[in-house]
Structure formats: structure tokens, C-alpha cells
PDB file of N, CA and C in Angstrom:
ATOM      1  N   UNK A   1    -128.633 -23.098 127.092  1.00  0.00           N
ATOM      2  CA  UNK A   1    -129.025 -24.385 127.615  1.00  0.00           C
ATOM      3  C   UNK A   1    -127.859 -24.992 128.376  1.00  0.00           C
ATOM      4  N   UNK A   2    -126.687 -25.072 127.772  1.00  0.00           N
ATOM      5  CA  UNK A   2    -125.497 -25.518 128.477  1.00  0.00           C
ATOM      6  C   UNK A   2    -125.564 -26.929 129.018  1.00  0.00           C
ATOM      7  N   UNK A   3    -126.231 -27.830 128.323  1.00  0.00           N
ATOM      8  CA  UNK A   3    -126.404 -29.177 128.841  1.00  0.00           C
ATOM      9  C   UNK A   3    -125.899 -30.220 127.863  1.00  0.00           C
ATOM     10  N   UNK A   4    -125.749 -31.409 128.400  1.00  0.00           N
ATOM     11  CA  UNK A   4    -125.375 -32.572 127.629  1.00  0.00           C
ATOM     12  C   UNK A   4    -126.649 -33.151 127.013  1.00  0.00           C
ATOM     13  N   UNK A   5    -126.665 -33.327 125.687  1.00  0.00           N
ATOM     14  CA  UNK A   5    -127.848 -33.871 125.022  1.00  0.00           C
ATOM     15  C   UNK A   5    -128.315 -35.179 125.650  1.00  0.00           C
ATOM     16  N   UNK A   6    -127.386 -35.971 126.131  1.00  0.00           N
ATOM     17  CA  UNK A   6    -127.739 -37.273 126.705  1.00  0.00           C
ATOM     18  C   UNK A   6    -128.616 -37.135 127.947  1.00  0.00           C
ATOM     19  N   UNK A   7    -128.601 -35.977 128.579  1.00  0.00           N
ATOM     20  CA  UNK A   7    -129.379 -35.748 129.799  1.00  0.00           C
ATOM     21  C   UNK A   7    -130.690 -35.013 129.539  1.00  0.00           C
ATOM     22  N   UNK A   8    -131.054 -34.833 128.254  1.00  0.00           N
ATOM     23  CA  UNK A   8    -132.272 -34.103 127.905  1.00  0.00           C
ATOM     24  C   UNK A   8    -133.209 -35.039 127.147  1.00  0.00           C
ATOM     25  N   UNK A   9    -134.446 -35.103 127.596  1.00  0.00           N
ATOM     26  CA  UNK A   9    -135.457 -35.889 126.897  1.00  0.00           C
ATOM     27  C   UNK A   9    -135.864 -35.156 125.616  1.00  0.00           C
ATOM     28  N   UNK A  10    -136.261 -35.897 124.608  1.00  0.00           N
ATOM     29  CA  UNK A  10    -136.643 -35.303 123.328  1.00  0.00           C
ATOM     30  C   UNK A  10    -137.785 -34.308 123.488  1.00  0.00           C
ATOM     31  N   UNK A  11    -138.792 -34.647 124.279  1.00  0.00           N
ATOM     32  CA  UNK A  11    -139.919 -33.718 124.454  1.00  0.00           C
ATOM     33  C   UNK A  11    -139.485 -32.436 125.167  1.00  0.00           C
ATOM     34  N   UNK A  12    -138.552 -32.531 126.084  1.00  0.00           N
ATOM     35  CA  UNK A  12    -138.034 -31.334 126.766  1.00  0.00           C
ATOM     36  C   UNK A  12    -137.261 -30.465 125.783  1.00  0.00           C
ATOM     37  N   UNK A  13    -136.454 -31.081 124.937  1.00  0.00           N
ATOM     38  CA  UNK A  13    -135.696 -30.334 123.931  1.00  0.00           C
ATOM     39  C   UNK A  13    -136.656 -29.617 122.977  1.00  0.00           C
ATOM     40  N   UNK A  14    -137.734 -30.276 122.612  1.00  0.00           N
ATOM     41  CA  UNK A  14    -138.723 -29.663 121.730  1.00  0.00           C
ATOM     42  C   UNK A  14    -139.350 -28.436 122.390  1.00  0.00           C
ATOM     43  N   UNK A  15    -139.599 -28.509 123.676  1.00  0.00           N
ATOM     44  CA  UNK A  15    -140.126 -27.354 124.411  1.00  0.00           C
ATOM     45  C   UNK A  15    -139.119 -26.201 124.371  1.00  0.00           C
ATOM     46  N   UNK A  16    -137.848 -26.500 124.585  1.00  0.00           N
ATOM     47  CA  UNK A  16    -136.812 -25.457 124.512  1.00  0.00           C
ATOM     48  C   UNK A  16    -136.851 -24.773 123.151  1.00  0.00           C
ATOM     49  N   UNK A  17    -136.957 -25.564 122.104  1.00  0.00           N
ATOM     50  CA  UNK A  17    -136.955 -25.016 120.750  1.00  0.00           C
ATOM     51  C   UNK A  17    -138.181 -24.140 120.501  1.00  0.00           C
ATOM     52  N   UNK A  18    -139.335 -24.569 120.966  1.00  0.00           N
ATOM     53  CA  UNK A  18    -140.556 -23.794 120.747  1.00  0.00           C
ATOM     54  C   UNK A  18    -140.507 -22.446 121.463  1.00  0.00           C
ATOM     55  N   UNK A  19    -139.737 -22.354 122.523  1.00  0.00           N
ATOM     56  CA  UNK A  19    -139.637 -21.100 123.276  1.00  0.00           C
ATOM     57  C   UNK A  19    -138.905 -20.007 122.506  1.00  0.00           C
ATOM     58  N   UNK A  20    -138.082 -20.373 121.542  1.00  0.00           N
ATOM     59  CA  UNK A  20    -137.381 -19.357 120.756  1.00  0.00           C
ATOM     60  C   UNK A  20    -138.360 -18.383 120.120  1.00  0.00           C
ATOM     61  N   UNK A  21    -139.321 -18.910 119.366  1.00  0.00           N
ATOM     62  CA  UNK A  21    -140.248 -18.023 118.664  1.00  0.00           C
ATOM     63  C   UNK A  21    -141.214 -17.339 119.618  1.00  0.00           C
ATOM     64  N   UNK A  22    -141.492 -17.968 120.765  1.00  0.00           N
ATOM     65  CA  UNK A  22    -142.370 -17.345 121.748  1.00  0.00           C
ATOM     66  C   UNK A  22    -141.686 -16.167 122.438  1.00  0.00           C
ATOM     67  N   UNK A  23    -140.430 -16.353 122.812  1.00  0.00           N
ATOM     68  CA  UNK A  23    -139.710 -15.327 123.565  1.00  0.00           C
ATOM     69  C   UNK A  23    -139.006 -14.305 122.678  1.00  0.00           C
ATOM     70  N   UNK A  24    -138.633 -14.718 121.478  1.00  0.00           N
ATOM     71  CA  UNK A  24    -137.816 -13.860 120.618  1.00  0.00           C
ATOM     72  C   UNK A  24    -138.401 -13.772 119.212  1.00  0.00           C
ATOM     73  N   UNK A  25    -139.691 -13.515 119.088  1.00  0.00           N
ATOM     74  CA  UNK A  25    -140.316 -13.489 117.773  1.00  0.00           C
ATOM     75  C   UNK A  25    -139.789 -12.314 116.953  1.00  0.00           C
ATOM     76  N   UNK A  26    -139.605 -12.596 115.668  1.00  0.00           N
ATOM     77  CA  UNK A  26    -139.115 -11.565 114.765  1.00  0.00           C
ATOM     78  C   UNK A  26    -140.096 -10.395 114.733  1.00  0.00           C
ATOM     79  N   UNK A  27    -139.566  -9.202 114.747  1.00  0.00           N
ATOM     80  CA  UNK A  27    -140.389  -8.003 114.731  1.00  0.00           C
ATOM     81  C   UNK A  27    -140.656  -7.422 116.102  1.00  0.00           C
ATOM     82  N   UNK A  28    -140.399  -8.190 117.162  1.00  0.00           N
ATOM     83  CA  UNK A  28    -140.573  -7.676 118.514  1.00  0.00           C
ATOM     84  C   UNK A  28    -139.627  -6.496 118.716  1.00  0.00           C
ATOM     85  N   UNK A  29    -140.128  -5.437 119.287  1.00  0.00           N
ATOM     86  CA  UNK A  29    -139.268  -4.268 119.504  1.00  0.00           C
ATOM     87  C   UNK A  29    -138.329  -4.510 120.673  1.00  0.00           C
ATOM     88  N   UNK A  30    -137.073  -4.216 120.444  1.00  0.00           N
ATOM     89  CA  UNK A  30    -136.039  -4.384 121.462  1.00  0.00           C
ATOM     90  C   UNK A  30    -136.134  -3.232 122.449  1.00  0.00           C
ATOM     91  N   UNK A  31    -136.093  -3.561 123.711  1.00  0.00           N
ATOM     92  CA  UNK A  31    -136.069  -2.552 124.774  1.00  0.00           C
ATOM     93  C   UNK A  31    -134.759  -2.712 125.530  1.00  0.00           C
ATOM     94  N   UNK A  32    -133.908  -1.695 125.463  1.00  0.00           N
ATOM     95  CA  UNK A  32    -132.607  -1.786 126.109  1.00  0.00           C
ATOM     96  C   UNK A  32    -132.122  -0.428 126.551  1.00  0.00           C
ATOM     97  N   UNK A  33    -131.952  -0.271 127.848  1.00  0.00           N
ATOM     98  CA  UNK A  33    -131.320   0.937 128.366  1.00  0.00           C
ATOM     99  C   UNK A  33    -129.811   0.867 128.203  1.00  0.00           C
ATOM    100  N   UNK A  34    -129.286  -0.347 128.263  1.00  0.00           N
ATOM    101  CA  UNK A  34    -127.844  -0.549 128.187  1.00  0.00           C
ATOM    102  C   UNK A  34    -127.304  -0.280 126.778  1.00  0.00           C
ATOM    103  N   UNK A  35    -128.108  -0.570 125.755  1.00  0.00           N
ATOM    104  CA  UNK A  35    -127.680  -0.391 124.362  1.00  0.00           C
ATOM    105  C   UNK A  35    -128.670   0.519 123.642  1.00  0.00           C
ATOM    106  N   UNK A  36    -128.568   1.831 123.853  1.00  0.00           N
ATOM    107  CA  UNK A  36    -129.547   2.754 123.275  1.00  0.00           C
ATOM    108  C   UNK A  36    -129.566   2.754 121.748  1.00  0.00           C
ATOM    109  N   UNK A  37    -128.480   2.339 121.109  1.00  0.00           N
ATOM    110  CA  UNK A  37    -128.442   2.327 119.646  1.00  0.00           C
ATOM    111  C   UNK A  37    -129.445   1.338 119.047  1.00  0.00           C
ATOM    112  N   UNK A  38    -129.775   0.286 119.778  1.00  0.00           N
ATOM    113  CA  UNK A  38    -130.720  -0.701 119.245  1.00  0.00           C
ATOM    114  C   UNK A  38    -132.091  -0.606 119.913  1.00  0.00           C
ATOM    115  N   UNK A  39    -132.219   0.239 120.927  1.00  0.00           N
ATOM    116  CA  UNK A  39    -133.495   0.378 121.628  1.00  0.00           C
ATOM    117  C   UNK A  39    -134.571   0.810 120.636  1.00  0.00           C
ATOM    118  N   UNK A  40    -135.663   0.069 120.614  1.00  0.00           N
ATOM    119  CA  UNK A  40    -136.778   0.383 119.724  1.00  0.00           C
ATOM    120  C   UNK A  40    -136.681  -0.253 118.350  1.00  0.00           C
ATOM    121  N   UNK A  41    -135.573  -0.903 118.052  1.00  0.00           N
ATOM    122  CA  UNK A  41    -135.414  -1.594 116.767  1.00  0.00           C
ATOM    123  C   UNK A  41    -136.145  -2.933 116.810  1.00  0.00           C
ATOM    124  N   UNK A  42    -136.614  -3.391 115.649  1.00  0.00           N
ATOM    125  CA  UNK A  42    -137.262  -4.707 115.632  1.00  0.00           C
ATOM    126  C   UNK A  42    -136.229  -5.829 115.681  1.00  0.00           C
ATOM    127  N   UNK A  43    -136.589  -6.889 116.364  1.00  0.00           N
ATOM    128  CA  UNK A  43    -135.726  -8.060 116.462  1.00  0.00           C
ATOM    129  C   UNK A  43    -135.733  -8.796 115.129  1.00  0.00           C
ATOM    130  N   UNK A  44    -134.545  -9.065 114.613  1.00  0.00           N
ATOM    131  CA  UNK A  44    -134.393  -9.796 113.349  1.00  0.00           C
ATOM    132  C   UNK A  44    -133.254 -10.787 113.502  1.00  0.00           C
ATOM    133  N   UNK A  45    -133.076 -11.610 112.494  1.00  0.00           N
ATOM    134  CA  UNK A  45    -131.925 -12.501 112.489  1.00  0.00           C
ATOM    135  C   UNK A  45    -132.306 -13.964 112.555  1.00  0.00           C
ATOM    136  N   UNK A  46    -131.272 -14.762 112.696  1.00  0.00           N
ATOM    137  CA  UNK A  46    -131.411 -16.207 112.706  1.00  0.00           C
ATOM    138  C   UNK A  46    -131.387 -16.706 114.150  1.00  0.00           C
ATOM    139  N   UNK A  47    -132.195 -17.718 114.417  1.00  0.00           N
ATOM    140  CA  UNK A  47    -132.171 -18.353 115.731  1.00  0.00           C
ATOM    141  C   UNK A  47    -130.968 -19.296 115.802  1.00  0.00           C
ATOM    142  N   UNK A  48    -130.147 -19.122 116.836  1.00  0.00           N
ATOM    143  CA  UNK A  48    -128.975 -19.972 117.042  1.00  0.00           C
ATOM    144  C   UNK A  48    -128.980 -20.452 118.483  1.00  0.00           C
ATOM    145  N   UNK A  49    -128.862 -21.752 118.655  1.00  0.00           N
ATOM    146  CA  UNK A  49    -128.761 -22.360 119.976  1.00  0.00           C
ATOM    147  C   UNK A  49    -127.323 -22.822 120.151  1.00  0.00           C
ATOM    148  N   UNK A  50    -126.602 -22.219 121.083  1.00  0.00           N
ATOM    149  CA  UNK A  50    -125.223 -22.617 121.342  1.00  0.00           C
ATOM    150  C   UNK A  50    -125.194 -23.642 122.462  1.00  0.00           C
ATOM    151  N   UNK A  51    -124.505 -24.750 122.179  1.00  0.00           N
ATOM    152  CA  UNK A  51    -124.392 -25.846 123.139  1.00  0.00           C
ATOM    153  C   UNK A  51    -122.934 -26.262 123.241  1.00  0.00           C
ATOM    154  N   UNK A  52    -122.554 -26.916 124.333  1.00  0.00           N
ATOM    155  CA  UNK A  52    -121.170 -27.374 124.484  1.00  0.00           C
ATOM    156  C   UNK A  52    -120.806 -28.384 123.390  1.00  0.00           C
ATOM    157  N   UNK A  53    -119.554 -28.327 122.951  1.00  0.00           N
ATOM    158  CA  UNK A  53    -119.116 -29.214 121.874  1.00  0.00           C
ATOM    159  C   UNK A  53    -119.025 -30.682 122.283  1.00  0.00           C
ATOM    160  N   UNK A  54    -119.222 -30.992 123.555  1.00  0.00           N
ATOM    161  CA  UNK A  54    -119.287 -32.406 123.951  1.00  0.00           C
ATOM    162  C   UNK A  54    -120.455 -33.106 123.259  1.00  0.00           C
ATOM    163  N   UNK A  55    -121.437 -32.310 122.805  1.00  0.00           N
ATOM    164  CA  UNK A  55    -122.605 -32.862 122.139  1.00  0.00           C
ATOM    165  C   UNK A  55    -122.338 -33.298 120.699  1.00  0.00           C
ATOM    166  N   UNK A  56    -121.170 -32.973 120.167  1.00  0.00           N
ATOM    167  CA  UNK A  56    -120.828 -33.417 118.812  1.00  0.00           C
ATOM    168  C   UNK A  56    -120.794 -34.941 118.714  1.00  0.00           C
ATOM    169  N   UNK A  57    -120.517 -35.612 119.829  1.00  0.00           N
ATOM    170  CA  UNK A  57    -120.442 -37.065 119.846  1.00  0.00           C
ATOM    171  C   UNK A  57    -121.696 -37.725 120.415  1.00  0.00           C
ATOM    172  N   UNK A  58    -122.732 -36.956 120.638  1.00  0.00           N
ATOM    173  CA  UNK A  58    -123.954 -37.484 121.238  1.00  0.00           C
ATOM    174  C   UNK A  58    -124.727 -38.359 120.260  1.00  0.00           C
ATOM    175  N   UNK A  59    -125.312 -39.412 120.779  1.00  0.00           N
ATOM    176  CA  UNK A  59    -126.193 -40.270 119.980  1.00  0.00           C
ATOM    177  C   UNK A  59    -127.463 -39.519 119.567  1.00  0.00           C
ATOM    178  N   UNK A  60    -127.791 -38.452 120.288  1.00  0.00           N
ATOM    179  CA  UNK A  60    -128.992 -37.670 119.995  1.00  0.00           C
ATOM    180  C   UNK A  60    -128.718 -36.503 119.048  1.00  0.00           C
ATOM    181  N   UNK A  61    -127.483 -36.311 118.652  1.00  0.00           N
ATOM    182  CA  UNK A  61    -127.113 -35.146 117.853  1.00  0.00           C
ATOM    183  C   UNK A  61    -127.952 -35.020 116.583  1.00  0.00           C
ATOM    184  N   UNK A  62    -128.029 -36.043 115.780  1.00  0.00           N
ATOM    185  CA  UNK A  62    -128.758 -35.962 114.508  1.00  0.00           C
ATOM    186  C   UNK A  62    -130.236 -35.698 114.754  1.00  0.00           C
ATOM    187  N   UNK A  63    -130.812 -36.388 115.733  1.00  0.00           N
ATOM    188  CA  UNK A  63    -132.218 -36.175 116.063  1.00  0.00           C
ATOM    189  C   UNK A  63    -132.472 -34.738 116.488  1.00  0.00           C
ATOM    190  N   UNK A  64    -131.631 -34.217 117.370  1.00  0.00           N
ATOM    191  CA  UNK A  64    -131.825 -32.862 117.883  1.00  0.00           C
ATOM    192  C   UNK A  64    -131.572 -31.810 116.804  1.00  0.00           C
ATOM    193  N   UNK A  65    -130.611 -32.050 115.930  1.00  0.00           N
ATOM    194  CA  UNK A  65    -130.372 -31.107 114.830  1.00  0.00           C
ATOM    195  C   UNK A  65    -131.575 -31.070 113.891  1.00  0.00           C
ATOM    196  N   UNK A  66    -132.179 -32.224 113.624  1.00  0.00           N
ATOM    197  CA  UNK A  66    -133.364 -32.274 112.765  1.00  0.00           C
ATOM    198  C   UNK A  66    -134.541 -31.551 113.414  1.00  0.00           C
ATOM    199  N   UNK A  67    -134.725 -31.754 114.704  1.00  0.00           N
ATOM    200  CA  UNK A  67    -135.792 -31.041 115.418  1.00  0.00           C
ATOM    201  C   UNK A  67    -135.562 -29.533 115.360  1.00  0.00           C
ATOM    202  N   UNK A  68    -134.332 -29.109 115.590  1.00  0.00           N
ATOM    203  CA  UNK A  68    -134.008 -27.682 115.543  1.00  0.00           C
ATOM    204  C   UNK A  68    -134.291 -27.108 114.156  1.00  0.00           C
ATOM    205  N   UNK A  69    -133.944 -27.856 113.114  1.00  0.00           N
ATOM    206  CA  UNK A  69    -134.183 -27.395 111.747  1.00  0.00           C
ATOM    207  C   UNK A  69    -135.678 -27.175 111.501  1.00  0.00           C
ATOM    208  N   UNK A  70    -136.525 -28.004 112.112  1.00  0.00           N
ATOM    209  CA  UNK A  70    -137.977 -27.826 111.981  1.00  0.00           C
ATOM    210  C   UNK A  70    -138.445 -26.499 112.553  1.00  0.00           C
ATOM    211  N   UNK A  71    -137.688 -25.955 113.479  1.00  0.00           N
ATOM    212  CA  UNK A  71    -138.012 -24.664 114.098  1.00  0.00           C
ATOM    213  C   UNK A  71    -137.152 -23.531 113.521  1.00  0.00           C
ATOM    214  N   UNK A  72    -136.425 -23.815 112.438  1.00  0.00           N
ATOM    215  CA  UNK A  72    -135.515 -22.835 111.823  1.00  0.00           C
ATOM    216  C   UNK A  72    -134.461 -22.340 112.801  1.00  0.00           C
ATOM    217  N   UNK A  73    -133.941 -23.273 113.599  1.00  0.00           N
ATOM    218  CA  UNK A  73    -132.911 -22.967 114.583  1.00  0.00           C
ATOM    219  C   UNK A  73    -131.650 -23.714 114.199  1.00  0.00           C
ATOM    220  N   UNK A  74    -130.538 -23.018 114.223  1.00  0.00           N
ATOM    221  CA  UNK A  74    -129.235 -23.619 113.966  1.00  0.00           C
ATOM    222  C   UNK A  74    -128.580 -23.939 115.301  1.00  0.00           C
ATOM    223  N   UNK A  75    -128.053 -25.139 115.423  1.00  0.00           N
ATOM    224  CA  UNK A  75    -127.302 -25.505 116.629  1.00  0.00           C
ATOM    225  C   UNK A  75    -125.837 -25.225 116.358  1.00  0.00           C
ATOM    226  N   UNK A  76    -125.238 -24.461 117.245  1.00  0.00           N
ATOM    227  CA  UNK A  76    -123.815 -24.118 117.145  1.00  0.00           C
ATOM    228  C   UNK A  76    -123.100 -24.774 118.326  1.00  0.00           C
ATOM    229  N   UNK A  77    -122.032 -25.486 118.028  1.00  0.00           N
ATOM    230  CA  UNK A  77    -121.259 -26.185 119.052  1.00  0.00           C
ATOM    231  C   UNK A  77    -120.064 -25.327 119.459  1.00  0.00           C
ATOM    232  N   UNK A  78    -119.953 -25.069 120.753  1.00  0.00           N
ATOM    233  CA  UNK A  78    -118.886 -24.205 121.272  1.00  0.00           C
ATOM    234  C   UNK A  78    -118.078 -24.956 122.323  1.00  0.00           C
ATOM    235  N   UNK A  79    -116.764 -24.718 122.315  1.00  0.00           N
ATOM    236  CA  UNK A  79    -115.947 -25.320 123.361  1.00  0.00           C
ATOM    237  C   UNK A  79    -116.227 -24.600 124.676  1.00  0.00           C
ATOM    238  N   UNK A  80    -116.132 -25.360 125.756  1.00  0.00           N
ATOM    239  CA  UNK A  80    -116.445 -24.771 127.065  1.00  0.00           C
ATOM    240  C   UNK A  80    -115.231 -24.138 127.673  1.00  0.00           C
TER     241      UNK A  80
END
């Protein structure tokens, strides 16, 4: 996503979150020519959304973290 929470509407953020399970549903078979060791393996793991750490001070942080938790997504803050 790479955006500032302050510039994202709540409904837009919710759409982003819903796309995780649509695009990366658990059990989907991985297709990769670049990484043959995982080609054909089922997709597993935890959903993680990495965002810039400027969002740690956002007024929307708690709201967005709660929304992400509803979708079983962890928000990870990374320095840019």
C-alpha cells in the first residue's frame, strides 16, 4: 500500500483488507517459475500488511488496526 493512513478513507482501507483473502486465499496453489521449490505448494501463513512507520502517529491507527484484525491481518510498520 505504501500510503499515509491520513490520506485513505476508511471504506477504501476496508476494500484493501478484503482483497487479501480474495487474492491470496489459503490453500491456493502457488505458481512460480522463478522459485521452483515452492511451485505447486499451497499458500499458507499469516496475512501481513506492511506500511510506512509514519503511520504509527496517525489518528486512524487504532481504527485501521481494529479493522485489519477483523480480517485476521497484522499491520507491520516499516521504516522507509
